[in-house]
Protein backbone atom coordinates (compact mmCIF):
# COMPACT_ATOMS: atom_id res chain seq x y z
CA MET A 1 -2.92 -113.23 178.74
CA LYS A 2 -3.56 -111.21 181.85
CA ARG A 3 -6.94 -110.11 180.55
CA ARG A 4 -7.91 -113.82 179.88
CA ARG A 5 -6.83 -114.79 183.48
CA LEU A 6 -9.06 -112.08 184.85
CA LEU A 7 -12.07 -113.02 182.77
CA PHE A 8 -11.87 -116.68 183.96
CA ALA A 9 -10.99 -115.90 187.58
CA PRO A 10 -13.33 -117.25 190.23
CA PRO A 11 -16.19 -114.82 191.07
CA ALA A 12 -14.84 -114.11 194.56
CA LEU A 13 -11.64 -112.76 193.15
CA LEU A 14 -13.44 -110.14 191.16
CA VAL A 15 -14.91 -108.44 194.25
CA ALA A 16 -11.67 -107.04 195.66
CA PRO A 17 -10.78 -104.65 192.81
CA THR A 18 -14.39 -103.36 192.70
CA LEU A 19 -14.23 -102.43 196.41
CA GLY A 20 -10.73 -100.98 196.11
CA TRP A 21 -9.29 -103.43 198.61
CA ALA A 22 -5.59 -103.92 198.15
CA GLN A 23 -5.02 -107.11 200.09
CA GLN A 24 -7.75 -109.71 199.80
CA ALA A 25 -10.97 -110.67 198.12
CA PHE A 26 -14.24 -111.60 199.68
CA PRO A 27 -14.72 -114.01 201.26
CA ALA A 28 -11.34 -114.39 203.06
CA LYS A 29 -12.75 -116.18 206.09
CA ALA A 30 -15.67 -118.21 207.35
CA ILE A 31 -19.20 -116.69 207.10
CA ARG A 32 -21.49 -116.74 210.09
CA TYR A 33 -24.96 -117.90 209.11
CA ILE A 34 -27.57 -117.18 211.81
CA VAL A 35 -30.65 -119.43 211.78
CA PRO A 36 -33.41 -118.11 214.11
CA VAL A 37 -34.50 -121.56 215.37
CA SER A 38 -33.04 -124.38 217.43
CA ALA A 39 -30.87 -127.00 215.76
CA GLY A 40 -32.55 -130.04 214.38
CA GLY A 41 -35.75 -128.62 212.87
CA GLY A 42 -36.81 -128.16 209.29
CA SER A 43 -35.57 -124.59 209.05
CA ASP A 44 -32.23 -125.64 210.46
CA MET A 45 -32.03 -128.45 207.86
CA VAL A 46 -32.69 -125.96 205.08
CA GLY A 47 -29.91 -123.73 206.24
CA ARG A 48 -27.33 -126.45 206.61
CA THR A 49 -28.21 -128.08 203.29
CA VAL A 50 -27.84 -124.78 201.39
CA THR A 51 -24.74 -123.44 203.18
CA GLU A 52 -22.80 -126.61 202.81
CA ARG A 53 -22.95 -126.23 199.02
CA TRP A 54 -22.64 -122.51 199.16
CA GLY A 55 -19.46 -122.70 201.28
CA ASN A 56 -17.90 -125.17 198.78
CA LEU A 57 -18.64 -122.74 195.99
CA LEU A 58 -17.15 -119.75 197.77
CA LYS A 59 -14.18 -121.71 199.15
CA GLN A 60 -15.02 -120.71 202.62
CA PRO A 61 -17.08 -122.49 205.22
CA PHE A 62 -20.42 -121.26 206.57
CA ILE A 63 -20.71 -121.58 210.40
CA VAL A 64 -24.36 -122.12 211.25
CA ASP A 65 -25.30 -120.25 214.41
CA ASN A 66 -28.67 -121.25 215.82
CA GLN A 67 -30.25 -118.38 217.82
CA ALA A 68 -33.75 -119.37 218.86
CA GLY A 69 -35.92 -117.22 220.99
CA GLY A 70 -38.45 -114.33 220.70
CA GLY A 71 -39.90 -115.67 217.46
CA GLY A 72 -36.75 -114.74 215.62
CA VAL A 73 -36.20 -111.43 217.39
CA ILE A 74 -32.88 -112.39 218.98
CA ALA A 75 -31.47 -113.58 215.69
CA SER A 76 -32.78 -110.56 213.78
CA GLN A 77 -31.29 -108.11 216.23
CA THR A 78 -27.94 -109.87 216.18
CA THR A 79 -27.89 -109.70 212.44
CA ALA A 80 -29.05 -106.10 212.14
CA ARG A 81 -26.27 -104.99 214.53
CA ALA A 82 -23.50 -106.87 212.83
CA ALA A 83 -20.92 -105.24 210.60
CA PRO A 84 -22.26 -105.07 206.98
CA ASP A 85 -19.20 -106.78 205.56
CA GLY A 86 -20.84 -109.96 204.31
CA TYR A 87 -19.47 -112.15 207.13
CA THR A 88 -22.74 -112.27 209.03
CA LEU A 89 -25.86 -113.46 207.25
CA MET A 90 -29.22 -114.65 208.53
CA GLN A 91 -31.86 -117.06 207.21
CA GLY A 92 -34.88 -114.80 207.34
CA TYR A 93 -38.33 -116.41 206.91
CA VAL A 94 -42.00 -115.54 206.87
CA GLY A 95 -42.06 -115.09 210.59
CA THR A 96 -39.13 -112.61 210.92
CA HIS A 97 -39.85 -110.72 207.73
CA GLY A 98 -43.60 -111.31 207.16
CA THR A 99 -46.10 -112.02 209.85
CA SER A 100 -44.29 -110.75 212.99
CA PRO A 101 -43.73 -107.24 211.61
CA ALA A 102 -47.43 -107.20 210.69
CA THR A 103 -48.79 -108.17 214.10
CA ARG A 104 -46.45 -106.74 216.69
CA LYS A 105 -43.93 -104.02 217.48
CA LEU A 106 -40.41 -105.24 216.97
CA PRO A 107 -37.01 -103.90 218.04
CA TYR A 108 -35.91 -103.96 214.44
CA ASP A 109 -37.28 -102.76 211.10
CA ALA A 110 -37.69 -105.81 208.86
CA ILE A 111 -36.96 -103.75 205.79
CA LYS A 112 -34.62 -100.80 206.68
CA ASP A 113 -32.37 -102.85 208.97
CA PHE A 114 -31.44 -105.52 206.51
CA THR A 115 -29.96 -106.15 203.06
CA PRO A 116 -31.85 -108.66 200.98
CA ILE A 117 -29.56 -111.34 199.46
CA GLY A 118 -31.91 -113.74 197.86
CA MET A 119 -34.76 -116.19 198.25
CA ILE A 120 -34.15 -119.83 199.04
CA GLY A 121 -37.61 -121.18 198.47
CA GLY A 122 -40.98 -121.83 200.04
CA THR A 123 -43.55 -124.47 200.80
CA PRO A 124 -47.34 -123.89 200.54
CA ASN A 125 -49.91 -124.08 203.32
CA VAL A 126 -52.62 -126.70 203.20
CA LEU A 127 -56.09 -126.65 204.67
CA VAL A 128 -56.58 -129.88 206.55
CA VAL A 129 -59.42 -131.17 208.73
CA ASN A 130 -59.90 -134.04 211.17
CA ALA A 131 -60.51 -137.21 209.19
CA ALA A 132 -63.80 -137.76 210.99
CA LEU A 133 -65.30 -134.47 209.91
CA PRO A 134 -68.03 -135.14 207.42
CA VAL A 135 -66.56 -133.06 204.62
CA LYS A 136 -64.65 -134.25 201.50
CA ASN A 137 -63.86 -131.01 199.82
CA ILE A 138 -63.60 -127.26 200.44
CA LYS A 139 -67.18 -126.57 199.27
CA GLU A 140 -68.59 -129.02 201.80
CA PHE A 141 -66.29 -127.56 204.51
CA ILE A 142 -67.63 -124.05 203.88
CA ALA A 143 -71.24 -125.37 203.98
CA TYR A 144 -70.40 -127.23 207.26
CA LEU A 145 -69.11 -123.90 208.78
CA LYS A 146 -72.27 -122.10 207.89
CA LYS A 147 -74.48 -124.82 209.32
CA ASN A 148 -72.45 -125.03 212.49
CA PRO A 149 -71.63 -121.43 213.50
CA GLY A 150 -69.25 -121.25 216.48
CA LYS A 151 -68.95 -125.03 216.77
CA VAL A 152 -65.80 -125.45 214.73
CA SER A 153 -62.38 -124.59 216.16
CA TYR A 154 -58.98 -124.53 214.48
CA GLY A 155 -55.51 -124.77 215.89
CA SER A 156 -52.37 -122.87 214.93
CA ALA A 157 -48.70 -122.89 215.86
CA GLY A 158 -49.22 -119.72 217.87
CA ALA A 159 -50.91 -116.35 217.75
CA GLY A 160 -49.50 -114.37 214.83
CA SER A 161 -48.02 -117.33 213.15
CA LEU A 162 -48.49 -118.08 209.49
CA THR A 163 -50.86 -120.98 210.41
CA HIS A 164 -52.99 -118.44 212.34
CA MET A 165 -52.87 -115.65 209.73
CA THR A 166 -53.64 -117.93 206.77
CA MET A 167 -56.79 -119.31 208.44
CA GLU A 168 -57.88 -115.80 209.33
CA LEU A 169 -57.51 -114.84 205.70
CA PHE A 170 -59.67 -117.79 204.79
CA LYS A 171 -62.32 -116.96 207.39
CA GLN A 172 -62.42 -113.42 206.07
CA GLN A 173 -62.98 -114.64 202.53
CA VAL A 174 -65.74 -117.13 203.34
CA ASN A 175 -67.32 -114.84 205.98
CA SER A 176 -67.54 -117.64 208.56
CA PHE A 177 -66.57 -117.98 212.14
CA MET A 178 -64.16 -120.51 213.72
CA VAL A 179 -62.66 -120.44 217.23
CA HIS A 180 -58.94 -119.98 217.22
CA ILE A 181 -56.92 -122.24 219.58
CA PRO A 182 -53.24 -121.08 219.61
CA TYR A 183 -50.57 -123.69 220.58
CA ARG A 184 -46.88 -123.50 221.28
CA GLY A 185 -45.83 -125.01 217.97
CA VAL A 186 -47.40 -127.01 215.20
CA ALA A 187 -46.78 -130.41 216.79
CA PRO A 188 -49.19 -130.01 219.71
CA ALA A 189 -51.69 -128.40 217.37
CA PHE A 190 -51.63 -131.51 215.19
CA ASN A 191 -52.05 -133.72 218.22
CA ASP A 192 -55.31 -132.05 219.12
CA LEU A 193 -56.48 -131.94 215.51
CA ILE A 194 -55.96 -135.70 215.18
CA GLY A 195 -57.53 -136.24 218.53
CA GLY A 196 -60.63 -134.28 217.57
CA GLN A 197 -60.25 -131.37 220.09
CA THR A 198 -60.03 -129.05 217.06
CA GLN A 199 -61.43 -129.68 213.63
CA ALA A 200 -59.19 -127.77 211.12
CA MET A 201 -55.75 -126.20 210.62
CA PHE A 202 -53.74 -124.46 207.95
CA PRO A 203 -50.19 -125.74 208.41
CA GLY A 204 -47.20 -125.67 206.10
CA LEU A 205 -47.27 -128.66 203.76
CA ALA A 206 -44.03 -130.17 205.13
CA ALA A 207 -45.55 -130.50 208.58
CA ALA A 208 -48.79 -131.93 207.27
CA VAL A 209 -47.28 -134.58 204.91
CA PRO A 210 -46.96 -137.49 207.36
CA HIS A 211 -50.43 -136.93 208.87
CA ILE A 212 -52.01 -136.69 205.39
CA ARG A 213 -50.33 -139.90 204.29
CA SER A 214 -51.39 -141.72 207.45
CA GLY A 215 -54.93 -140.69 206.76
CA ARG A 216 -55.35 -138.99 210.15
CA VAL A 217 -56.20 -135.66 208.54
CA ARG A 218 -57.78 -134.83 205.20
CA PRO A 219 -56.40 -132.18 202.86
CA LEU A 220 -58.98 -129.97 201.24
CA ALA A 221 -57.00 -127.30 199.35
CA ILE A 222 -53.56 -125.85 199.09
CA THR A 223 -52.21 -122.34 198.69
CA GLY A 224 -50.28 -121.20 195.65
CA MET A 225 -51.10 -120.87 191.97
CA GLN A 226 -50.44 -124.49 191.06
CA ARG A 227 -51.00 -127.94 192.57
CA HIS A 228 -48.06 -129.43 194.49
CA PRO A 229 -46.36 -132.54 192.98
CA LEU A 230 -46.65 -134.39 196.30
CA PHE A 231 -50.46 -134.19 196.23
CA LYS A 232 -51.54 -133.59 192.69
CA ASP A 233 -55.17 -134.43 193.52
CA VAL A 234 -55.45 -131.65 196.06
CA PRO A 235 -56.77 -128.48 194.35
CA THR A 236 -55.38 -125.00 195.00
CA LEU A 237 -57.52 -122.40 196.66
CA ASP A 238 -57.09 -120.28 193.58
CA GLU A 239 -58.80 -122.90 191.38
CA SER A 240 -61.41 -123.47 194.14
CA GLY A 241 -62.77 -119.91 193.67
CA PHE A 242 -60.40 -117.93 195.94
CA LYS A 243 -58.55 -116.03 193.26
CA GLY A 244 -55.03 -114.92 194.24
CA PHE A 245 -55.23 -116.66 197.61
CA ASP A 246 -51.60 -117.29 198.43
CA ALA A 247 -49.55 -117.90 201.54
CA GLN A 248 -46.31 -119.82 201.98
CA GLN A 249 -43.62 -120.71 204.53
CA TRP A 250 -40.70 -119.08 202.73
CA TYR A 251 -36.99 -118.90 203.59
CA GLY A 252 -34.44 -116.44 202.29
CA VAL A 253 -31.11 -114.86 203.13
CA VAL A 254 -30.57 -111.34 204.49
CA GLY A 255 -27.62 -109.40 205.88
CA PRO A 256 -27.25 -106.21 207.90
CA ALA A 257 -28.21 -102.94 206.15
CA GLY A 258 -25.55 -101.21 204.12
CA MET A 259 -23.75 -104.21 202.62
CA PRO A 260 -21.52 -103.35 199.63
CA ALA A 261 -23.24 -104.03 196.31
CA PRO A 262 -20.42 -106.21 194.88
CA ILE A 263 -20.60 -108.52 197.88
CA VAL A 264 -24.38 -108.72 197.65
CA LYS A 265 -24.07 -109.55 193.94
CA LEU A 266 -21.55 -112.25 194.58
CA LEU A 267 -23.59 -113.83 197.32
CA ASN A 268 -26.78 -113.73 195.28
CA GLU A 269 -25.20 -115.21 192.16
CA THR A 270 -23.53 -118.07 194.05
CA LEU A 271 -26.70 -118.78 196.03
CA ALA A 272 -28.55 -118.98 192.73
CA THR A 273 -25.99 -121.43 191.43
CA VAL A 274 -26.54 -123.60 194.53
CA LEU A 275 -30.31 -123.53 194.16
CA ARG A 276 -30.16 -124.41 190.47
CA ALA A 277 -28.12 -127.60 191.09
CA PRO A 278 -30.08 -130.58 189.68
CA ASP A 279 -30.26 -132.42 193.00
CA MET A 280 -31.11 -129.39 195.29
CA ARG A 281 -34.86 -129.70 194.61
CA GLU A 282 -34.73 -133.28 195.79
CA LYS A 283 -32.75 -132.40 198.91
CA LEU A 284 -35.15 -129.60 199.86
CA SER A 285 -38.21 -131.76 199.05
CA VAL A 286 -37.88 -133.26 202.54
CA GLU A 287 -39.43 -129.98 203.70
CA ALA A 288 -41.64 -129.71 200.54
CA ILE A 289 -39.62 -126.65 199.55
CA GLU A 290 -39.45 -125.48 195.98
CA PRO A 291 -36.10 -123.75 195.37
CA THR A 292 -36.77 -120.22 194.09
CA VAL A 293 -34.10 -117.95 192.59
CA MET A 294 -34.60 -114.18 192.97
CA THR A 295 -32.36 -111.14 192.54
CA PRO A 296 -31.80 -109.10 195.67
CA GLU A 297 -34.22 -106.47 194.33
CA GLN A 298 -36.91 -109.07 193.66
CA PHE A 299 -36.48 -110.63 197.07
CA GLY A 300 -36.66 -107.23 198.79
CA GLU A 301 -39.88 -106.45 197.01
CA TYR A 302 -41.23 -109.89 197.88
CA MET A 303 -40.65 -109.22 201.59
CA ARG A 304 -42.24 -105.76 201.40
CA THR A 305 -45.31 -107.25 199.67
CA ASP A 306 -45.61 -110.05 202.24
CA ILE A 307 -45.44 -107.62 205.15
CA ALA A 308 -48.03 -105.32 203.53
CA ARG A 309 -50.42 -108.22 202.91
CA TRP A 310 -50.30 -109.52 206.49
CA THR A 311 -50.30 -105.96 207.91
CA LYS A 312 -53.57 -105.24 206.10
CA LEU A 313 -55.11 -108.46 207.34
CA ALA A 314 -54.02 -107.81 210.92
CA LYS A 315 -55.71 -104.41 210.84
CA GLU A 316 -58.86 -105.75 209.32
CA ARG A 317 -59.06 -108.68 211.76
CA ASP A 318 -57.83 -106.64 214.73
CA ILE A 319 -54.82 -108.92 215.38
CA HIS A 320 -52.36 -107.05 217.59
CA LEU A 321 -50.00 -109.09 219.74
CA ASP A 322 -48.02 -106.47 221.60
CA ASN A 323 -47.80 -106.96 225.33
């Protein structure tokens, strides 16, 4: 009878014996969940949507702590310095654990200072142009670039952002020149794209959806290996001749380095349960995010690969953003 009770005990109760704790299992109190952006944005919505379900499953609440500033540096440092006991987690993303480590010196090591917990999901980037530009597809856009060298400019959410790096990767592969105009965020970049001050951009799909649907910008191609269900008529770059071209705005969960393996396992397995819920895809579709389940090892390798990819591009394109 005792053996049967142990086998059917809630997952959290199985952690304590493994760690040799005599008094209590993990989690025994609320978990701090650091989100490296201000409250109210898409990333914040992702964190709150996931942690609400996650907390219910673990029987302890997640307290969302928004720490904006420094492009995620403040949040990352806070997380890296926290006790590795599972009670401080962070929503890492392509900026904190992808493009920023590739383009600037940071006061943290994006790999060594963190424990990967698991991926949440990602949304692709989409190449869009001003609706007045006389191009209907990516082939015509490339031809237009070659006929108008130096006359086309593109906006980004800021130097070193994914919108910047993805377009630089595209420029490298088509061997064409476009003037980069960095903005302080994707919203003002879209304002100038729609107004005709710039002609192209490579934003995340979620930010582009309302502008595409309004007809103010035209989508030409999307990153990833398959077309997105929101825009099934928009081809991928891969099928357009750019084999393996991939970039996405991804979100995942990390903790401080040195977290105990049983706690990491518990957090990963319960996060996976949340992401596999039938309605979670619909909830995250507001940000065009596809839930993606990964083991801690798979997520750690994903981050290493992403950093390596953008580091290589930064060196080749001489993108260094240190002051």
